Amino acid sequence: MSNIFKHLRGTMRPGILALCTAAAALLTACSGTGGTTGNGSPAPDHMPDSTSVAAARPPSFEDFPGEGIVYTDTGMRLGVKVKAIDSTWAPEVMDKPASPGRHYLAVWIAATPELPDRGTNDVSIEQKLYVRYKPADGTCGSGTSDTPDSSGYCFASGWPGSGLVVLEDDNWREHRWEQQTYTSSDIGRGETRIGQIGFEIDETVQATDFGLCAPTREEFYSPSFFPCTAFKAPDGPA
């Protein structure tokens, strides 16, 4: 093509020559395999649509059903709203095996400051929260008070308990939880944190009607008078 173009240059008027030059440049550009992105690199066949990729976000307290309850430990200036978000039966929790003849009710909880416009400090969940349940046979089993309270409930204290962490997704069951005994967690304004607690219960007890219970400013000592929030029955072999 270059020889033909040289021959035409000698015989064409300037205007026609300019037109042919532009046409030749356009033909050369179109004959390439694929375009470029503007920096010399080949352009992909399909640029991803940014609106089609859903951005992952940490779970928030409102994502989970239920209102939750306000938990206030001794010395806390501001309470924390908590609710149970998931549960299962397990032989051990955080590498702590259950005692012989007993198993753990592992419960994952969500926690957020009581007031949405401020955070709260020094939050601990180990040996602070309780699970209540109704036994089918009317006894609470070994290791606890054998007799249910006046409402027919048994109570188990939470141990071990993890720290409260911000998760980037909803895979709390796959998270590597670690017991937090001597330290506490701070929760920022509007922040939601997730934690895990184990509640040890006699294996012979057929438990039903589960609830997560917490102390408040009005009642620190007696679990029977703590506010409770119900959660669905745990999965796994009971």
C-alpha atoms as a PDB file:
ATOM      1  CA  MET A   1       0.000   0.000   0.000  1.00  0.00           C
ATOM      2  CA  SER A   2       2.908   2.357   0.706  1.00  0.00           C
ATOM      3  CA  ASN A   3       4.125   2.272  -2.953  1.00  0.00           C
ATOM      4  CA  ILE A   4       0.640   3.023  -4.238  1.00  0.00           C
ATOM      5  CA  PHE A   5       0.312   5.914  -1.821  1.00  0.00           C
ATOM      6  CA  LYS A   6       3.673   7.372  -2.970  1.00  0.00           C
ATOM      7  CA  HIS A   7       2.517   7.190  -6.587  1.00  0.00           C
ATOM      8  CA  LEU A   8      -0.755   8.935  -5.752  1.00  0.00           C
ATOM      9  CA  ARG A   9       1.093  11.720  -3.936  1.00  0.00           C
ATOM     10  CA  GLY A  10       2.767  12.701  -7.148  1.00  0.00           C
ATOM     11  CA  THR A  11      -0.461  12.910  -9.148  1.00  0.00           C
ATOM     12  CA  MET A  12      -3.089  14.287  -6.681  1.00  0.00           C
ATOM     13  CA  ARG A  13      -3.964  17.851  -5.845  1.00  0.00           C
ATOM     14  CA  PRO A  14      -3.272  18.930  -2.203  1.00  0.00           C
ATOM     15  CA  GLY A  15      -6.923  18.811  -1.100  1.00  0.00           C
ATOM     16  CA  ILE A  16      -7.502  15.297  -2.368  1.00  0.00           C
ATOM     17  CA  LEU A  17      -4.164  14.236  -0.913  1.00  0.00           C
ATOM     18  CA  ALA A  18      -5.170  15.440   2.575  1.00  0.00           C
ATOM     19  CA  LEU A  19      -8.462  13.560   2.307  1.00  0.00           C
ATOM     20  CA  CYS A  20      -6.692  10.334   1.364  1.00  0.00           C
ATOM     21  CA  THR A  21      -4.207  10.732   4.178  1.00  0.00           C
ATOM     22  CA  ALA A  22      -7.037  10.975   6.732  1.00  0.00           C
ATOM     23  CA  ALA A  23      -8.774   7.941   5.224  1.00  0.00           C
ATOM     24  CA  ALA A  24      -5.562   5.905   5.377  1.00  0.00           C
ATOM     25  CA  ALA A  25      -5.076   6.804   9.044  1.00  0.00           C
ATOM     26  CA  LEU A  26      -8.643   5.787   9.836  1.00  0.00           C
ATOM     27  CA  LEU A  27      -8.196   2.474   8.014  1.00  0.00           C
ATOM     28  CA  THR A  28      -5.018   1.722   9.966  1.00  0.00           C
ATOM     29  CA  ALA A  29      -6.755   2.417  13.310  1.00  0.00           C
ATOM     30  CA  CYS A  30      -9.712   0.200  12.462  1.00  0.00           C
ATOM     31  CA  SER A  31      -7.550  -2.724  11.323  1.00  0.00           C
ATOM     32  CA  GLY A  32      -6.075  -3.262  14.818  1.00  0.00           C
ATOM     33  CA  THR A  33      -7.273  -6.116  17.079  1.00  0.00           C
ATOM     34  CA  GLY A  34      -9.125  -4.424  19.920  1.00  0.00           C
ATOM     35  CA  GLY A  35      -8.665  -0.893  21.231  1.00  0.00           C
ATOM     36  CA  THR A  36      -6.642   0.526  24.084  1.00  0.00           C
ATOM     37  CA  THR A  37      -7.583   1.994  27.433  1.00  0.00           C
ATOM     38  CA  GLY A  38      -5.797   5.259  26.765  1.00  0.00           C
ATOM     39  CA  ASN A  39      -2.513   4.295  28.413  1.00  0.00           C
ATOM     40  CA  GLY A  40      -1.369   1.918  25.708  1.00  0.00           C
ATOM     41  CA  SER A  41      -2.658  -1.244  27.329  1.00  0.00           C
ATOM     42  CA  PRO A  42      -5.309  -3.367  25.568  1.00  0.00           C
ATOM     43  CA  ALA A  43      -8.877  -2.525  26.526  1.00  0.00           C
ATOM     44  CA  PRO A  44     -10.905  -5.354  28.041  1.00  0.00           C
ATOM     45  CA  ASP A  45     -13.822  -6.715  26.042  1.00  0.00           C
ATOM     46  CA  HIS A  46     -16.226  -5.604  28.831  1.00  0.00           C
ATOM     47  CA  MET A  47     -15.704  -2.929  31.447  1.00  0.00           C
ATOM     48  CA  PRO A  48     -17.451  -3.879  34.733  1.00  0.00           C
ATOM     49  CA  ASP A  49     -20.476  -1.881  35.715  1.00  0.00           C
ATOM     50  CA  SER A  50     -19.746  -0.381  39.132  1.00  0.00           C
ATOM     51  CA  THR A  51     -23.429  -0.426  39.996  1.00  0.00           C
ATOM     52  CA  SER A  52     -23.630  -4.183  39.458  1.00  0.00           C
ATOM     53  CA  VAL A  53     -21.082  -4.990  42.181  1.00  0.00           C
ATOM     54  CA  ALA A  54     -22.697  -4.946  45.615  1.00  0.00           C
ATOM     55  CA  ALA A  55     -20.402  -3.411  48.210  1.00  0.00           C
ATOM     56  CA  ALA A  56     -19.904  -5.565  51.286  1.00  0.00           C
ATOM     57  CA  ARG A  57     -20.671  -3.852  54.578  1.00  0.00           C
ATOM     58  CA  PRO A  58     -20.508  -4.850  58.230  1.00  0.00           C
ATOM     59  CA  PRO A  59     -23.796  -6.105  59.708  1.00  0.00           C
ATOM     60  CA  SER A  60     -25.698  -3.538  61.757  1.00  0.00           C
ATOM     61  CA  PHE A  61     -27.886  -3.985  64.829  1.00  0.00           C
ATOM     62  CA  GLU A  62     -31.036  -3.222  62.843  1.00  0.00           C
ATOM     63  CA  ASP A  63     -30.277  -5.999  60.373  1.00  0.00           C
ATOM     64  CA  PHE A  64     -31.323  -8.573  62.948  1.00  0.00           C
ATOM     65  CA  PRO A  65     -34.930  -9.124  64.105  1.00  0.00           C
ATOM     66  CA  GLY A  66     -36.057  -8.009  67.541  1.00  0.00           C
ATOM     67  CA  GLU A  67     -35.657  -4.873  69.611  1.00  0.00           C
ATOM     68  CA  GLY A  68     -32.997  -6.226  71.925  1.00  0.00           C
ATOM     69  CA  ILE A  69     -32.507  -5.310  75.576  1.00  0.00           C
ATOM     70  CA  VAL A  70     -30.339  -2.740  77.316  1.00  0.00           C
ATOM     71  CA  TYR A  71     -27.497  -4.235  79.332  1.00  0.00           C
ATOM     72  CA  THR A  72     -25.833  -2.107  82.014  1.00  0.00           C
ATOM     73  CA  ASP A  73     -22.960  -3.478  84.065  1.00  0.00           C
ATOM     74  CA  THR A  74     -21.768  -2.029  87.367  1.00  0.00           C
ATOM     75  CA  GLY A  75     -19.807   1.155  86.696  1.00  0.00           C
ATOM     76  CA  MET A  76     -21.007   1.619  83.121  1.00  0.00           C
ATOM     77  CA  ARG A  77     -22.115   5.189  82.408  1.00  0.00           C
ATOM     78  CA  LEU A  78     -24.001   4.191  79.274  1.00  0.00           C
ATOM     79  CA  GLY A  79     -25.793   0.936  78.574  1.00  0.00           C
ATOM     80  CA  VAL A  80     -25.466  -1.340  75.577  1.00  0.00           C
ATOM     81  CA  LYS A  81     -28.304  -2.788  73.501  1.00  0.00           C
ATOM     82  CA  VAL A  82     -27.827  -6.510  72.921  1.00  0.00           C
ATOM     83  CA  LYS A  83     -29.712  -9.264  71.123  1.00  0.00           C
ATOM     84  CA  ALA A  84     -29.033 -12.889  70.261  1.00  0.00           C
ATOM     85  CA  ILE A  85     -28.561 -13.327  66.497  1.00  0.00           C
ATOM     86  CA  ASP A  86     -27.690 -17.021  66.209  1.00  0.00           C
ATOM     87  CA  SER A  87     -27.177 -20.127  68.374  1.00  0.00           C
ATOM     88  CA  THR A  88     -26.138 -23.768  68.227  1.00  0.00           C
ATOM     89  CA  TRP A  89     -25.334 -26.670  70.528  1.00  0.00           C
ATOM     90  CA  ALA A  90     -21.606 -27.420  70.750  1.00  0.00           C
ATOM     91  CA  PRO A  91     -19.277 -29.688  72.773  1.00  0.00           C
ATOM     92  CA  GLU A  92     -16.821 -26.805  73.224  1.00  0.00           C
ATOM     93  CA  VAL A  93     -16.679 -23.044  72.824  1.00  0.00           C
ATOM     94  CA  MET A  94     -13.486 -21.057  72.199  1.00  0.00           C
ATOM     95  CA  ASP A  95     -11.406 -24.187  72.816  1.00  0.00           C
ATOM     96  CA  LYS A  96     -13.078 -24.702  76.202  1.00  0.00           C
ATOM     97  CA  PRO A  97     -14.647 -28.189  76.409  1.00  0.00           C
ATOM     98  CA  ALA A  98     -17.901 -28.597  78.297  1.00  0.00           C
ATOM     99  CA  SER A  99     -17.895 -30.561  81.539  1.00  0.00           C
ATOM    100  CA  PRO A 100     -18.766 -34.296  81.352  1.00  0.00           C
ATOM    101  CA  GLY A 101     -22.518 -34.775  80.932  1.00  0.00           C
ATOM    102  CA  ARG A 102     -22.981 -31.184  79.776  1.00  0.00           C
ATOM    103  CA  HIS A 103     -22.771 -29.245  76.537  1.00  0.00           C
ATOM    104  CA  TYR A 104     -22.626 -25.626  75.480  1.00  0.00           C
ATOM    105  CA  LEU A 105     -25.371 -23.508  74.055  1.00  0.00           C
ATOM    106  CA  ALA A 106     -23.180 -21.239  71.887  1.00  0.00           C
ATOM    107  CA  VAL A 107     -24.850 -17.886  71.295  1.00  0.00           C
ATOM    108  CA  TRP A 108     -23.706 -15.075  69.016  1.00  0.00           C
ATOM    109  CA  ILE A 109     -24.854 -11.607  70.027  1.00  0.00           C
ATOM    110  CA  ALA A 110     -24.959  -8.158  68.440  1.00  0.00           C
ATOM    111  CA  ALA A 111     -24.217  -5.109  70.592  1.00  0.00           C
ATOM    112  CA  THR A 112     -24.540  -1.372  69.975  1.00  0.00           C
ATOM    113  CA  PRO A 113     -24.519   1.679  72.294  1.00  0.00           C
ATOM    114  CA  GLU A 114     -27.777   2.441  74.100  1.00  0.00           C
ATOM    115  CA  LEU A 115     -27.876   5.940  72.579  1.00  0.00           C
ATOM    116  CA  PRO A 116     -27.201   6.305  68.841  1.00  0.00           C
ATOM    117  CA  ASP A 117     -25.311   9.621  69.131  1.00  0.00           C
ATOM    118  CA  ARG A 118     -22.506   8.437  71.424  1.00  0.00           C
ATOM    119  CA  GLY A 119     -20.262   5.457  72.079  1.00  0.00           C
ATOM    120  CA  THR A 120     -19.663   3.471  75.234  1.00  0.00           C
ATOM    121  CA  ASN A 121     -16.551   2.085  76.898  1.00  0.00           C
ATOM    122  CA  ASP A 122     -15.429  -0.921  78.936  1.00  0.00           C
ATOM    123  CA  VAL A 123     -18.017  -3.419  77.731  1.00  0.00           C
ATOM    124  CA  SER A 124     -17.552  -7.038  78.784  1.00  0.00           C
ATOM    125  CA  ILE A 125     -19.936  -9.934  78.137  1.00  0.00           C
ATOM    126  CA  GLU A 126     -18.236 -12.831  79.938  1.00  0.00           C
ATOM    127  CA  GLN A 127     -20.161 -13.896  83.063  1.00  0.00           C
ATOM    128  CA  LYS A 128     -22.446 -10.893  82.588  1.00  0.00           C
ATOM    129  CA  LEU A 129     -25.290 -12.210  80.433  1.00  0.00           C
ATOM    130  CA  TYR A 130     -27.614 -15.154  81.051  1.00  0.00           C
ATOM    131  CA  VAL A 131     -29.650 -17.582  79.008  1.00  0.00           C
ATOM    132  CA  ARG A 132     -33.033 -18.648  80.294  1.00  0.00           C
ATOM    133  CA  TYR A 133     -34.870 -21.736  79.114  1.00  0.00           C
ATOM    134  CA  LYS A 134     -37.761 -23.965  80.115  1.00  0.00           C
ATOM    135  CA  PRO A 135     -36.983 -27.628  80.832  1.00  0.00           C
ATOM    136  CA  ALA A 136     -39.426 -30.169  79.477  1.00  0.00           C
ATOM    137  CA  ASP A 137     -39.160 -32.389  82.556  1.00  0.00           C
ATOM    138  CA  GLY A 138     -39.403 -29.550  85.087  1.00  0.00           C
ATOM    139  CA  THR A 139     -35.818 -29.735  86.432  1.00  0.00           C
ATOM    140  CA  CYS A 140     -32.836 -27.635  85.453  1.00  0.00           C
ATOM    141  CA  GLY A 141     -30.268 -30.442  85.649  1.00  0.00           C
ATOM    142  CA  SER A 142     -26.973 -30.711  87.467  1.00  0.00           C
ATOM    143  CA  GLY A 143     -24.672 -27.765  87.921  1.00  0.00           C
ATOM    144  CA  THR A 144     -27.498 -25.265  88.326  1.00  0.00           C
ATOM    145  CA  SER A 145     -30.344 -24.733  90.691  1.00  0.00           C
ATOM    146  CA  ASP A 146     -32.416 -27.896  90.272  1.00  0.00           C
ATOM    147  CA  THR A 147     -35.727 -26.053  90.487  1.00  0.00           C
ATOM    148  CA  PRO A 148     -36.961 -23.534  87.910  1.00  0.00           C
ATOM    149  CA  ASP A 149     -38.047 -20.121  89.122  1.00  0.00           C
ATOM    150  CA  SER A 150     -41.673 -19.188  89.699  1.00  0.00           C
ATOM    151  CA  SER A 151     -42.149 -18.652  85.947  1.00  0.00           C
ATOM    152  CA  GLY A 152     -40.800 -22.102  85.094  1.00  0.00           C
ATOM    153  CA  TYR A 153     -37.431 -20.909  83.758  1.00  0.00           C
ATOM    154  CA  CYS A 154     -33.896 -22.110  84.415  1.00  0.00           C
ATOM    155  CA  PHE A 155     -30.897 -19.770  84.018  1.00  0.00           C
ATOM    156  CA  ALA A 156     -27.312 -20.339  82.911  1.00  0.00           C
ATOM    157  CA  SER A 157     -24.500 -17.782  83.205  1.00  0.00           C
ATOM    158  CA  GLY A 158     -22.369 -17.051  80.148  1.00  0.00           C
ATOM    159  CA  TRP A 159     -18.825 -18.448  80.164  1.00  0.00           C
ATOM    160  CA  PRO A 160     -16.590 -18.283  78.225  1.00  0.00           C
ATOM    161  CA  GLY A 161     -17.241 -14.968  76.516  1.00  0.00           C
ATOM    162  CA  SER A 162     -15.369 -13.341  73.652  1.00  0.00           C
ATOM    163  CA  GLY A 163     -14.435  -9.778  72.982  1.00  0.00           C
ATOM    164  CA  LEU A 164     -16.799  -7.690  70.883  1.00  0.00           C
ATOM    165  CA  VAL A 165     -15.483  -7.187  67.358  1.00  0.00           C
ATOM    166  CA  VAL A 166     -16.519  -5.446  64.145  1.00  0.00           C
ATOM    167  CA  LEU A 167     -17.119  -8.043  61.432  1.00  0.00           C
ATOM    168  CA  GLU A 168     -16.890  -7.137  57.755  1.00  0.00           C
ATOM    169  CA  ASP A 169     -19.533  -9.708  56.787  1.00  0.00           C
ATOM    170  CA  ASP A 170     -22.082 -12.115  58.271  1.00  0.00           C
ATOM    171  CA  ASN A 171     -19.719 -15.075  58.704  1.00  0.00           C
ATOM    172  CA  TRP A 172     -19.715 -15.017  62.499  1.00  0.00           C
ATOM    173  CA  ARG A 173     -19.794 -18.818  62.623  1.00  0.00           C
ATOM    174  CA  GLU A 174     -16.520 -19.005  60.701  1.00  0.00           C
ATOM    175  CA  HIS A 175     -14.820 -16.281  62.753  1.00  0.00           C
ATOM    176  CA  ARG A 176     -12.054 -17.388  65.111  1.00  0.00           C
ATOM    177  CA  TRP A 177     -13.419 -16.285  68.479  1.00  0.00           C
ATOM    178  CA  GLU A 178     -11.097 -15.803  71.453  1.00  0.00           C
ATOM    179  CA  GLN A 179     -12.020 -15.626  75.117  1.00  0.00           C
ATOM    180  CA  GLN A 180     -11.688 -12.160  76.673  1.00  0.00           C
ATOM    181  CA  THR A 181     -11.576 -12.331  80.453  1.00  0.00           C
ATOM    182  CA  TYR A 182      -9.505  -9.455  81.795  1.00  0.00           C
ATOM    183  CA  THR A 183     -10.067  -6.821  79.151  1.00  0.00           C
ATOM    184  CA  SER A 184     -13.123  -5.063  77.753  1.00  0.00           C
ATOM    185  CA  SER A 185     -14.268  -3.566  74.460  1.00  0.00           C
ATOM    186  CA  ASP A 186     -15.129  -0.016  73.434  1.00  0.00           C
ATOM    187  CA  ILE A 187     -18.028   0.491  71.024  1.00  0.00           C
ATOM    188  CA  GLY A 188     -18.069   3.630  68.889  1.00  0.00           C
ATOM    189  CA  ARG A 189     -21.044   5.852  68.148  1.00  0.00           C
ATOM    190  CA  GLY A 190     -23.548   4.007  65.959  1.00  0.00           C
ATOM    191  CA  GLU A 191     -21.251   0.992  65.761  1.00  0.00           C
ATOM    192  CA  THR A 192     -22.380  -2.625  65.903  1.00  0.00           C
ATOM    193  CA  ARG A 193     -20.118  -5.316  67.304  1.00  0.00           C
ATOM    194  CA  ILE A 194     -20.530  -9.078  67.385  1.00  0.00           C
ATOM    195  CA  GLY A 195     -19.501 -11.498  70.138  1.00  0.00           C
ATOM    196  CA  GLN A 196     -19.886 -15.121  71.202  1.00  0.00           C
ATOM    197  CA  ILE A 197     -20.819 -16.609  74.574  1.00  0.00           C
ATOM    198  CA  GLY A 198     -21.049 -20.195  75.797  1.00  0.00           C
ATOM    199  CA  PHE A 199     -23.773 -21.300  78.241  1.00  0.00           C
ATOM    200  CA  GLU A 200     -23.219 -24.722  79.786  1.00  0.00           C
ATOM    201  CA  ILE A 201     -26.384 -26.823  80.180  1.00  0.00           C
ATOM    202  CA  ASP A 202     -27.005 -30.386  81.305  1.00  0.00           C
ATOM    203  CA  GLU A 203     -27.254 -32.747  78.317  1.00  0.00           C
ATOM    204  CA  THR A 204     -30.250 -34.542  79.809  1.00  0.00           C
ATOM    205  CA  VAL A 205     -32.379 -31.395  79.855  1.00  0.00           C
ATOM    206  CA  GLN A 206     -34.724 -30.890  76.928  1.00  0.00           C
ATOM    207  CA  ALA A 207     -34.634 -27.099  76.840  1.00  0.00           C
ATOM    208  CA  THR A 208     -37.181 -24.910  75.067  1.00  0.00           C
ATOM    209  CA  ASP A 209     -38.321 -21.274  75.027  1.00  0.00           C
ATOM    210  CA  PHE A 210     -34.898 -19.609  74.979  1.00  0.00           C
ATOM    211  CA  GLY A 211     -34.134 -16.029  75.952  1.00  0.00           C
ATOM    212  CA  LEU A 212     -31.051 -13.826  76.412  1.00  0.00           C
ATOM    213  CA  CYS A 213     -31.154 -11.896  79.695  1.00  0.00           C
ATOM    214  CA  ALA A 214     -29.020  -9.029  81.017  1.00  0.00           C
ATOM    215  CA  PRO A 215     -28.610  -6.939  84.187  1.00  0.00           C
ATOM    216  CA  THR A 216     -29.811  -3.325  84.187  1.00  0.00           C
ATOM    217  CA  ARG A 217     -29.480  -0.227  86.324  1.00  0.00           C
ATOM    218  CA  GLU A 218     -32.624  -1.287  88.165  1.00  0.00           C
ATOM    219  CA  GLU A 219     -31.686  -4.956  88.705  1.00  0.00           C
ATOM    220  CA  PHE A 220     -28.091  -6.168  89.011  1.00  0.00           C
ATOM    221  CA  TYR A 221     -28.308  -9.422  90.931  1.00  0.00           C
ATOM    222  CA  SER A 222     -31.286 -11.683  90.266  1.00  0.00           C
ATOM    223  CA  PRO A 223     -31.528 -13.184  86.739  1.00  0.00           C
ATOM    224  CA  SER A 224     -35.227 -13.929  87.317  1.00  0.00           C
ATOM    225  CA  PHE A 225     -35.843 -10.169  87.253  1.00  0.00           C
ATOM    226  CA  PHE A 226     -33.542  -9.313  84.342  1.00  0.00           C
ATOM    227  CA  PRO A 227     -35.143  -8.214  81.060  1.00  0.00           C
ATOM    228  CA  CYS A 228     -34.894 -10.922  78.422  1.00  0.00           C
ATOM    229  CA  THR A 229     -35.231 -11.112  74.668  1.00  0.00           C
ATOM    230  CA  ALA A 230     -36.323 -14.345  73.006  1.00  0.00           C
ATOM    231  CA  PHE A 231     -34.314 -16.096  70.304  1.00  0.00           C
ATOM    232  CA  LYS A 232     -34.991 -19.086  68.100  1.00  0.00           C
ATOM    233  CA  ALA A 233     -34.114 -22.616  69.181  1.00  0.00           C
ATOM    234  CA  PRO A 234     -30.499 -23.575  68.516  1.00  0.00           C
ATOM    235  CA  ASP A 235     -29.500 -25.947  65.742  1.00  0.00           C
ATOM    236  CA  GLY A 236     -27.094 -28.860  66.072  1.00  0.00           C
ATOM    237  CA  PRO A 237     -27.572 -32.071  68.076  1.00  0.00           C
ATOM    238  CA  ALA A 238     -29.059 -31.291  71.496  1.00  0.00           C
END
